[in-house]
Amino acid sequence: MYKVRFYDQVEDELLKFAVVISKYNGKWVFCRNKERKTYECPCGCREAGEDIGQTAERELYGETGAREYELNRICVYSVQEYDEGGTSYEESFGMLHYAEIDALGELPPDSEMECIELFTDLPSNWTYPEIQPLLIEKVAFIIGDDRGSV
């Protein structure tokens, strides 16, 4: 079981992940991994020496082929994992971003994604169903899009 929390900020060194909720021509952009048939948002781990914004840009391009976009930080989020007894294991932190994509290109040849798909309404087949819908709802609320409810 997972619990998602939102923060205004945390110490930079705690930020391990970047997630990018994005839209292109008014539609939500989701990725489908080559090894799964579920949908996810561009996201990934921060690499050594990388600013969390650079992580977001790298993942957005690598998983959608986005070439021109406006990227905005939304907030810090954390995912806390619990065992069946309700005992917390670990809390990991990431930065949630929103991107308005102006130009999409081809996926890079080394992309782990099979394809991207555009949605007017949100899909129901999530890779991380306990996490992704909450992140999207947060972004949708901030950008004023009522189609961001699951």
C-alpha atoms as a PDB file:
ATOM      1  CA  MET A   1       0.000   0.000   0.000  1.00  0.00           C
ATOM      2  CA  TYR A   2       1.208   3.511  -0.802  1.00  0.00           C
ATOM      3  CA  LYS A   3       0.426   6.963   0.508  1.00  0.00           C
ATOM      4  CA  VAL A   4       1.162  10.107  -1.513  1.00  0.00           C
ATOM      5  CA  ARG A   5       1.917  13.379   0.250  1.00  0.00           C
ATOM      6  CA  PHE A   6       2.582  16.854  -1.097  1.00  0.00           C
ATOM      7  CA  TYR A   7       5.094  19.388   0.231  1.00  0.00           C
ATOM      8  CA  ASP A   8       6.063  22.935  -0.658  1.00  0.00           C
ATOM      9  CA  GLN A   9       9.745  21.998  -0.434  1.00  0.00           C
ATOM     10  CA  VAL A  10      12.268  19.601   1.065  1.00  0.00           C
ATOM     11  CA  GLU A  11      16.044  19.513   1.076  1.00  0.00           C
ATOM     12  CA  ASP A  12      17.279  19.193  -2.512  1.00  0.00           C
ATOM     13  CA  GLU A  13      19.298  16.041  -1.802  1.00  0.00           C
ATOM     14  CA  LEU A  14      16.064  14.200  -0.869  1.00  0.00           C
ATOM     15  CA  LEU A  15      14.658  14.624  -4.398  1.00  0.00           C
ATOM     16  CA  LYS A  16      15.247  11.314  -6.166  1.00  0.00           C
ATOM     17  CA  PHE A  17      12.573  11.362  -8.902  1.00  0.00           C
ATOM     18  CA  ALA A  18      10.945  13.714 -11.380  1.00  0.00           C
ATOM     19  CA  VAL A  19       7.424  13.218 -12.734  1.00  0.00           C
ATOM     20  CA  VAL A  20       6.082  15.298 -15.598  1.00  0.00           C
ATOM     21  CA  ILE A  21       2.346  15.566 -16.155  1.00  0.00           C
ATOM     22  CA  SER A  22       1.958  16.988 -19.645  1.00  0.00           C
ATOM     23  CA  LYS A  23      -0.474  18.150 -22.281  1.00  0.00           C
ATOM     24  CA  TYR A  24      -0.176  18.602 -26.021  1.00  0.00           C
ATOM     25  CA  ASN A  25      -2.855  20.445 -28.011  1.00  0.00           C
ATOM     26  CA  GLY A  26      -5.163  20.329 -24.985  1.00  0.00           C
ATOM     27  CA  LYS A  27      -4.845  16.572 -24.476  1.00  0.00           C
ATOM     28  CA  TRP A  28      -3.122  14.635 -21.708  1.00  0.00           C
ATOM     29  CA  VAL A  29       0.085  12.882 -22.805  1.00  0.00           C
ATOM     30  CA  PHE A  30       0.734   9.368 -21.519  1.00  0.00           C
ATOM     31  CA  CYS A  31       3.420   6.816 -22.282  1.00  0.00           C
ATOM     32  CA  ARG A  32       3.171   3.073 -22.728  1.00  0.00           C
ATOM     33  CA  ASN A  33       6.293   1.110 -21.803  1.00  0.00           C
ATOM     34  CA  LYS A  34       7.474  -1.619 -24.182  1.00  0.00           C
ATOM     35  CA  GLU A  35       7.123  -4.193 -21.391  1.00  0.00           C
ATOM     36  CA  ARG A  36       3.664  -3.152 -20.117  1.00  0.00           C
ATOM     37  CA  LYS A  37       0.245  -2.404 -21.552  1.00  0.00           C
ATOM     38  CA  THR A  38      -0.556   0.257 -18.956  1.00  0.00           C
ATOM     39  CA  TYR A  39      -0.210   4.026 -19.068  1.00  0.00           C
ATOM     40  CA  GLU A  40       2.176   6.232 -17.160  1.00  0.00           C
ATOM     41  CA  CYS A  41       3.476   9.774 -17.046  1.00  0.00           C
ATOM     42  CA  PRO A  42       7.044  10.587 -18.030  1.00  0.00           C
ATOM     43  CA  CYS A  43       9.136  10.018 -14.928  1.00  0.00           C
ATOM     44  CA  GLY A  44      12.508   8.811 -13.813  1.00  0.00           C
ATOM     45  CA  CYS A  45      15.340   8.777 -11.338  1.00  0.00           C
ATOM     46  CA  ARG A  46      17.694  11.666 -10.836  1.00  0.00           C
ATOM     47  CA  GLU A  47      21.210  10.915 -12.040  1.00  0.00           C
ATOM     48  CA  ALA A  48      24.372  11.904 -10.175  1.00  0.00           C
ATOM     49  CA  GLY A  49      25.211  15.584 -10.576  1.00  0.00           C
ATOM     50  CA  GLU A  50      21.877  16.334 -12.206  1.00  0.00           C
ATOM     51  CA  ASP A  51      19.521  19.132 -11.169  1.00  0.00           C
ATOM     52  CA  ILE A  52      15.964  17.822 -10.673  1.00  0.00           C
ATOM     53  CA  GLY A  53      14.790  20.096 -13.506  1.00  0.00           C
ATOM     54  CA  GLN A  54      17.329  18.434 -15.810  1.00  0.00           C
ATOM     55  CA  THR A  55      15.907  15.067 -14.765  1.00  0.00           C
ATOM     56  CA  ALA A  56      12.420  16.225 -15.747  1.00  0.00           C
ATOM     57  CA  GLU A  57      13.629  17.516 -19.126  1.00  0.00           C
ATOM     58  CA  ARG A  58      15.576  14.327 -19.859  1.00  0.00           C
ATOM     59  CA  GLU A  59      12.629  12.114 -18.989  1.00  0.00           C
ATOM     60  CA  LEU A  60      10.095  14.244 -20.874  1.00  0.00           C
ATOM     61  CA  TYR A  61      12.134  14.044 -24.054  1.00  0.00           C
ATOM     62  CA  GLY A  62      13.170  10.397 -23.583  1.00  0.00           C
ATOM     63  CA  GLU A  63       9.637   9.166 -22.966  1.00  0.00           C
ATOM     64  CA  THR A  64       7.558  11.435 -25.239  1.00  0.00           C
ATOM     65  CA  GLY A  65       9.898  12.904 -27.850  1.00  0.00           C
ATOM     66  CA  ALA A  66       8.886  16.422 -26.722  1.00  0.00           C
ATOM     67  CA  ARG A  67      11.116  18.982 -28.443  1.00  0.00           C
ATOM     68  CA  GLU A  68       9.495  22.291 -27.496  1.00  0.00           C
ATOM     69  CA  TYR A  69       7.686  22.809 -24.224  1.00  0.00           C
ATOM     70  CA  GLU A  70       7.217  24.985 -21.185  1.00  0.00           C
ATOM     71  CA  LEU A  71       8.129  23.097 -18.025  1.00  0.00           C
ATOM     72  CA  ASN A  72       6.920  24.264 -14.611  1.00  0.00           C
ATOM     73  CA  ARG A  73       7.598  22.930 -11.144  1.00  0.00           C
ATOM     74  CA  ILE A  74       4.384  22.176  -9.274  1.00  0.00           C
ATOM     75  CA  CYS A  75       5.474  20.820  -5.885  1.00  0.00           C
ATOM     76  CA  VAL A  76       7.414  18.169  -4.044  1.00  0.00           C
ATOM     77  CA  TYR A  77       5.625  14.882  -3.527  1.00  0.00           C
ATOM     78  CA  SER A  78       6.502  11.787  -1.584  1.00  0.00           C
ATOM     79  CA  VAL A  79       5.437   8.195  -1.811  1.00  0.00           C
ATOM     80  CA  GLN A  80       5.394   6.299   1.433  1.00  0.00           C
ATOM     81  CA  GLU A  81       5.177   2.527   1.238  1.00  0.00           C
ATOM     82  CA  TYR A  82       3.384   0.560   3.963  1.00  0.00           C
ATOM     83  CA  ASP A  83       3.241  -3.146   4.716  1.00  0.00           C
ATOM     84  CA  GLU A  84      -0.056  -4.976   5.324  1.00  0.00           C
ATOM     85  CA  GLY A  85       0.134  -4.188   9.039  1.00  0.00           C
ATOM     86  CA  GLY A  86       0.305  -0.460   8.346  1.00  0.00           C
ATOM     87  CA  THR A  87       3.978  -0.066   9.226  1.00  0.00           C
ATOM     88  CA  SER A  88       5.812   2.439   7.064  1.00  0.00           C
ATOM     89  CA  TYR A  89       8.824   1.088   5.185  1.00  0.00           C
ATOM     90  CA  GLU A  90      10.251   3.990   3.324  1.00  0.00           C
ATOM     91  CA  GLU A  91       9.415   7.465   2.051  1.00  0.00           C
ATOM     92  CA  SER A  92      10.867   8.639  -1.247  1.00  0.00           C
ATOM     93  CA  PHE A  93      10.656  12.194  -2.568  1.00  0.00           C
ATOM     94  CA  GLY A  94      10.297  13.607  -6.046  1.00  0.00           C
ATOM     95  CA  MET A  95       9.478  16.815  -7.850  1.00  0.00           C
ATOM     96  CA  LEU A  96       6.163  17.049  -9.673  1.00  0.00           C
ATOM     97  CA  HIS A  97       6.227  19.096 -12.892  1.00  0.00           C
ATOM     98  CA  TYR A  98       3.736  20.194 -15.516  1.00  0.00           C
ATOM     99  CA  ALA A  99       4.691  20.611 -19.173  1.00  0.00           C
ATOM    100  CA  GLU A 100       2.731  22.289 -21.909  1.00  0.00           C
ATOM    101  CA  ILE A 101       4.218  20.654 -25.019  1.00  0.00           C
ATOM    102  CA  ASP A 102       4.335  22.711 -28.230  1.00  0.00           C
ATOM    103  CA  ALA A 103       6.182  20.242 -30.489  1.00  0.00           C
ATOM    104  CA  LEU A 104       6.505  16.468 -30.362  1.00  0.00           C
ATOM    105  CA  GLY A 105       9.098  14.530 -32.311  1.00  0.00           C
ATOM    106  CA  GLU A 106       9.817  10.841 -32.658  1.00  0.00           C
ATOM    107  CA  LEU A 107      10.670   8.853 -29.569  1.00  0.00           C
ATOM    108  CA  PRO A 108      14.449   8.495 -29.202  1.00  0.00           C
ATOM    109  CA  PRO A 109      15.757   5.138 -30.523  1.00  0.00           C
ATOM    110  CA  ASP A 110      16.823   4.079 -27.011  1.00  0.00           C
ATOM    111  CA  SER A 111      13.468   4.952 -25.409  1.00  0.00           C
ATOM    112  CA  GLU A 112      11.930   2.374 -23.107  1.00  0.00           C
ATOM    113  CA  MET A 113       8.519   3.528 -24.354  1.00  0.00           C
ATOM    114  CA  GLU A 114       6.602   1.754 -27.088  1.00  0.00           C
ATOM    115  CA  CYS A 115       4.468   4.787 -27.825  1.00  0.00           C
ATOM    116  CA  ILE A 116       2.751   7.855 -26.459  1.00  0.00           C
ATOM    117  CA  GLU A 117      -0.981   8.403 -26.578  1.00  0.00           C
ATOM    118  CA  LEU A 118      -3.072  11.531 -26.210  1.00  0.00           C
ATOM    119  CA  PHE A 119      -6.254  11.521 -24.106  1.00  0.00           C
ATOM    120  CA  THR A 120      -9.073  14.016 -23.655  1.00  0.00           C
ATOM    121  CA  ASP A 121     -10.126  12.175 -20.488  1.00  0.00           C
ATOM    122  CA  LEU A 122      -7.796  10.218 -18.278  1.00  0.00           C
ATOM    123  CA  PRO A 123      -7.173   6.520 -18.945  1.00  0.00           C
ATOM    124  CA  SER A 124      -8.080   3.944 -16.328  1.00  0.00           C
ATOM    125  CA  ASN A 125      -5.328   1.411 -17.013  1.00  0.00           C
ATOM    126  CA  TRP A 126      -2.464   2.846 -14.895  1.00  0.00           C
ATOM    127  CA  THR A 127       1.010   1.464 -14.298  1.00  0.00           C
ATOM    128  CA  TYR A 128       0.978   2.939 -10.765  1.00  0.00           C
ATOM    129  CA  PRO A 129      -2.738   3.204  -9.876  1.00  0.00           C
ATOM    130  CA  GLU A 130      -2.163   4.249  -6.254  1.00  0.00           C
ATOM    131  CA  ILE A 131       0.152   7.104  -7.224  1.00  0.00           C
ATOM    132  CA  GLN A 132      -0.346   8.542 -10.722  1.00  0.00           C
ATOM    133  CA  PRO A 133      -4.013   9.603 -10.433  1.00  0.00           C
ATOM    134  CA  LEU A 134      -3.229  11.627  -7.300  1.00  0.00           C
ATOM    135  CA  LEU A 135      -0.351  13.421  -9.016  1.00  0.00           C
ATOM    136  CA  ILE A 136      -2.522  14.208 -12.020  1.00  0.00           C
ATOM    137  CA  GLU A 137      -5.350  15.493  -9.796  1.00  0.00           C
ATOM    138  CA  LYS A 138      -2.877  17.834  -8.078  1.00  0.00           C
ATOM    139  CA  VAL A 139      -1.665  19.244 -11.400  1.00  0.00           C
ATOM    140  CA  ALA A 140      -5.191  19.470 -12.842  1.00  0.00           C
ATOM    141  CA  PHE A 141      -6.350  21.449  -9.814  1.00  0.00           C
ATOM    142  CA  ILE A 142      -3.433  23.871 -10.135  1.00  0.00           C
ATOM    143  CA  ILE A 143      -3.851  24.392 -13.901  1.00  0.00           C
ATOM    144  CA  GLY A 144      -7.658  24.548 -13.624  1.00  0.00           C
ATOM    145  CA  ASP A 145      -8.519  21.468 -15.700  1.00  0.00           C
ATOM    146  CA  ASP A 146     -11.531  19.570 -14.350  1.00  0.00           C
ATOM    147  CA  ARG A 147     -10.796  16.624 -16.664  1.00  0.00           C
ATOM    148  CA  GLY A 148      -7.965  15.649 -14.313  1.00  0.00           C
ATOM    149  CA  SER A 149     -10.236  13.716 -11.971  1.00  0.00           C
ATOM    150  CA  VAL A 150     -10.157   9.975 -11.868  1.00  0.00           C
END
